[in-house]
Amino acid sequence: MQIDKEIDTRGLNCPLPILKAKKALAELQSGQVLKVVSTDAGSMRDFQAFAKQTGNELLDQQTQNTDYIHVLRRR
């Protein structure tokens, strides 16, 4: 999967990972892919709700050690 932009939000708690993702998505073109790395366990459900509310597609979510990885495609 091609990632067009990646942001690191490790150490930030809700709502900061979502706010940073929203800003990063605004800089992308429609169809481009954003990867967000977070350490906030709540970000798993936060990004699911964010994708549903904004219409951006949540392509993947996974946990790697203490990191939570979210991959979104801009609508």
N, C-alpha and C. Protein backbone atom coordinates (compact mmCIF):
# COMPACT_ATOMS: atom_id res chain seq x y z
N MET A 1 0.84 -1.18 0.00
CA MET A 1 0.00 0.00 0.00
C MET A 1 0.89 1.25 0.00
N GLN A 2 0.57 2.17 -0.88
CA GLN A 2 1.36 3.39 -0.96
C GLN A 2 0.85 4.41 0.06
N ILE A 3 1.76 4.88 0.91
CA ILE A 3 1.43 5.91 1.89
C ILE A 3 1.92 7.25 1.34
N ASP A 4 1.01 8.21 1.24
CA ASP A 4 1.39 9.52 0.70
C ASP A 4 1.93 10.45 1.78
N LYS A 5 1.46 10.26 3.01
CA LYS A 5 1.93 11.10 4.12
C LYS A 5 1.82 10.30 5.40
N GLU A 6 2.78 10.50 6.29
CA GLU A 6 2.75 9.82 7.60
C GLU A 6 2.96 10.85 8.68
N ILE A 7 2.14 10.76 9.74
CA ILE A 7 2.34 11.65 10.88
C ILE A 7 2.52 10.82 12.15
N ASP A 8 3.36 11.31 13.02
CA ASP A 8 3.67 10.65 14.29
C ASP A 8 3.00 11.43 15.41
N THR A 9 2.01 10.81 16.05
CA THR A 9 1.32 11.48 17.16
C THR A 9 1.59 10.74 18.48
N ARG A 10 2.70 10.02 18.53
CA ARG A 10 3.05 9.29 19.76
C ARG A 10 3.15 10.27 20.94
N GLY A 11 2.60 9.85 22.08
CA GLY A 11 2.67 10.67 23.28
C GLY A 11 1.53 11.67 23.40
N LEU A 12 0.73 11.81 22.34
CA LEU A 12 -0.40 12.73 22.38
C LEU A 12 -1.68 11.97 22.69
N ASN A 13 -2.54 12.58 23.49
CA ASN A 13 -3.81 11.94 23.83
C ASN A 13 -4.96 12.65 23.12
N CYS A 14 -6.08 11.96 23.09
CA CYS A 14 -7.30 12.48 22.47
C CYS A 14 -7.57 13.90 22.97
N PRO A 15 -7.92 14.80 22.11
CA PRO A 15 -8.26 14.66 20.69
C PRO A 15 -7.11 15.00 19.74
N LEU A 16 -5.89 15.18 20.25
CA LEU A 16 -4.79 15.66 19.41
C LEU A 16 -4.47 14.77 18.21
N PRO A 17 -4.41 13.43 18.33
CA PRO A 17 -4.14 12.62 17.13
C PRO A 17 -5.18 12.85 16.02
N ILE A 18 -6.45 12.99 16.41
CA ILE A 18 -7.51 13.23 15.43
C ILE A 18 -7.35 14.61 14.79
N LEU A 19 -7.05 15.61 15.60
CA LEU A 19 -6.90 16.97 15.08
C LEU A 19 -5.72 17.06 14.11
N LYS A 20 -4.62 16.40 14.45
CA LYS A 20 -3.45 16.40 13.57
C LYS A 20 -3.75 15.64 12.27
N ALA A 21 -4.51 14.55 12.39
CA ALA A 21 -4.89 13.77 11.20
C ALA A 21 -5.80 14.60 10.30
N LYS A 22 -6.73 15.32 10.91
CA LYS A 22 -7.65 16.15 10.14
C LYS A 22 -6.87 17.21 9.34
N LYS A 23 -5.90 17.82 9.99
CA LYS A 23 -5.07 18.85 9.34
C LYS A 23 -4.25 18.22 8.19
N ALA A 24 -3.69 17.05 8.45
CA ALA A 24 -2.87 16.37 7.43
C ALA A 24 -3.73 15.94 6.24
N LEU A 25 -4.93 15.44 6.51
CA LEU A 25 -5.83 15.03 5.42
C LEU A 25 -6.21 16.22 4.55
N ALA A 26 -6.36 17.39 5.15
CA ALA A 26 -6.73 18.59 4.41
C ALA A 26 -5.65 18.98 3.40
N GLU A 27 -4.42 18.56 3.68
CA GLU A 27 -3.29 18.88 2.79
C GLU A 27 -3.15 17.87 1.65
N LEU A 28 -3.89 16.75 1.73
CA LEU A 28 -3.80 15.71 0.72
C LEU A 28 -4.87 15.90 -0.35
N GLN A 29 -4.62 15.28 -1.50
CA GLN A 29 -5.61 15.27 -2.58
C GLN A 29 -6.57 14.10 -2.34
N SER A 30 -7.73 14.16 -2.94
CA SER A 30 -8.70 13.08 -2.84
C SER A 30 -8.06 11.77 -3.30
N GLY A 31 -8.24 10.71 -2.51
CA GLY A 31 -7.69 9.40 -2.86
C GLY A 31 -6.31 9.13 -2.29
N GLN A 32 -5.64 10.17 -1.78
CA GLN A 32 -4.32 9.94 -1.19
C GLN A 32 -4.46 9.31 0.19
N VAL A 33 -3.36 8.68 0.65
CA VAL A 33 -3.41 7.87 1.86
C VAL A 33 -2.53 8.47 2.96
N LEU A 34 -3.11 8.53 4.16
CA LEU A 34 -2.43 9.06 5.36
C LEU A 34 -2.24 7.93 6.37
N LYS A 35 -1.04 7.84 6.91
CA LYS A 35 -0.75 6.88 8.00
C LYS A 35 -0.51 7.68 9.27
N VAL A 36 -1.20 7.29 10.34
CA VAL A 36 -1.07 7.96 11.63
C VAL A 36 -0.55 6.94 12.64
N VAL A 37 0.52 7.28 13.34
CA VAL A 37 1.07 6.43 14.39
C VAL A 37 0.77 7.10 15.73
N SER A 38 0.13 6.36 16.63
CA SER A 38 -0.30 6.90 17.91
C SER A 38 0.05 5.93 19.04
N THR A 39 0.11 6.46 20.26
CA THR A 39 0.28 5.59 21.43
C THR A 39 -0.96 5.63 22.33
N ASP A 40 -2.00 6.32 21.88
CA ASP A 40 -3.24 6.45 22.63
C ASP A 40 -4.15 5.27 22.30
N ALA A 41 -4.40 4.41 23.28
CA ALA A 41 -5.23 3.22 23.06
C ALA A 41 -6.63 3.60 22.59
N GLY A 42 -7.13 4.73 23.04
CA GLY A 42 -8.46 5.19 22.64
C GLY A 42 -8.53 5.60 21.18
N SER A 43 -7.38 5.75 20.55
CA SER A 43 -7.37 6.19 19.16
C SER A 43 -7.98 5.15 18.23
N MET A 44 -8.01 3.89 18.62
CA MET A 44 -8.61 2.85 17.78
C MET A 44 -10.08 3.19 17.51
N ARG A 45 -10.85 3.43 18.55
CA ARG A 45 -12.26 3.76 18.36
C ARG A 45 -12.43 5.19 17.86
N ASP A 46 -11.53 6.09 18.27
CA ASP A 46 -11.62 7.48 17.81
C ASP A 46 -11.51 7.57 16.30
N PHE A 47 -10.57 6.85 15.70
CA PHE A 47 -10.39 6.92 14.25
C PHE A 47 -11.52 6.23 13.50
N GLN A 48 -12.12 5.21 14.11
CA GLN A 48 -13.29 4.57 13.49
C GLN A 48 -14.44 5.58 13.40
N ALA A 49 -14.67 6.29 14.51
CA ALA A 49 -15.74 7.30 14.54
C ALA A 49 -15.40 8.47 13.62
N PHE A 50 -14.15 8.89 13.60
CA PHE A 50 -13.72 10.00 12.75
C PHE A 50 -13.96 9.68 11.27
N ALA A 51 -13.61 8.46 10.87
CA ALA A 51 -13.79 8.06 9.47
C ALA A 51 -15.28 8.06 9.10
N LYS A 52 -16.10 7.55 10.01
CA LYS A 52 -17.54 7.48 9.77
C LYS A 52 -18.13 8.89 9.64
N GLN A 53 -17.69 9.80 10.50
CA GLN A 53 -18.24 11.16 10.52
C GLN A 53 -17.78 11.99 9.33
N THR A 54 -16.55 11.78 8.88
CA THR A 54 -15.98 12.64 7.83
C THR A 54 -16.10 12.06 6.43
N GLY A 55 -16.39 10.77 6.33
CA GLY A 55 -16.49 10.15 5.01
C GLY A 55 -15.14 9.71 4.45
N ASN A 56 -14.07 9.89 5.22
CA ASN A 56 -12.77 9.35 4.80
C ASN A 56 -12.78 7.85 5.06
N GLU A 57 -12.06 7.11 4.23
CA GLU A 57 -12.07 5.64 4.35
C GLU A 57 -10.96 5.17 5.28
N LEU A 58 -11.33 4.39 6.29
CA LEU A 58 -10.35 3.79 7.20
C LEU A 58 -9.91 2.48 6.57
N LEU A 59 -8.70 2.47 6.00
CA LEU A 59 -8.21 1.31 5.25
C LEU A 59 -7.68 0.22 6.16
N ASP A 60 -7.03 0.62 7.27
CA ASP A 60 -6.37 -0.37 8.12
C ASP A 60 -6.15 0.21 9.51
N GLN A 61 -6.21 -0.67 10.49
CA GLN A 61 -5.83 -0.34 11.87
C GLN A 61 -5.08 -1.55 12.40
N GLN A 62 -3.97 -1.28 13.07
CA GLN A 62 -3.25 -2.38 13.69
C GLN A 62 -2.47 -1.89 14.90
N THR A 63 -2.11 -2.85 15.74
CA THR A 63 -1.31 -2.55 16.92
C THR A 63 0.06 -3.18 16.75
N GLN A 64 1.11 -2.40 16.97
CA GLN A 64 2.48 -2.90 16.91
C GLN A 64 3.16 -2.46 18.20
N ASN A 65 3.36 -3.43 19.10
CA ASN A 65 3.91 -3.14 20.43
C ASN A 65 3.04 -2.09 21.12
N THR A 66 3.56 -0.89 21.38
CA THR A 66 2.77 0.14 22.06
C THR A 66 2.21 1.16 21.07
N ASP A 67 2.39 0.91 19.77
CA ASP A 67 1.91 1.84 18.75
C ASP A 67 0.59 1.36 18.14
N TYR A 68 -0.26 2.31 17.86
CA TYR A 68 -1.52 2.05 17.16
C TYR A 68 -1.41 2.74 15.81
N ILE A 69 -1.56 1.95 14.76
CA ILE A 69 -1.38 2.43 13.39
C ILE A 69 -2.75 2.56 12.73
N HIS A 70 -3.00 3.72 12.12
CA HIS A 70 -4.25 3.98 11.41
C HIS A 70 -3.92 4.44 10.01
N VAL A 71 -4.59 3.87 9.02
CA VAL A 71 -4.36 4.26 7.63
C VAL A 71 -5.70 4.70 7.04
N LEU A 72 -5.72 5.95 6.57
CA LEU A 72 -6.94 6.54 6.03
C LEU A 72 -6.74 7.01 4.60
N ARG A 73 -7.79 6.88 3.79
CA ARG A 73 -7.78 7.43 2.43
C ARG A 73 -8.69 8.63 2.41
N ARG A 74 -8.16 9.74 1.89
CA ARG A 74 -8.95 10.97 1.85
C ARG A 74 -10.09 10.83 0.85
N ARG A 75 -11.25 11.31 1.25
CA ARG A 75 -12.44 11.25 0.37
C ARG A 75 -12.32 12.24 -0.76
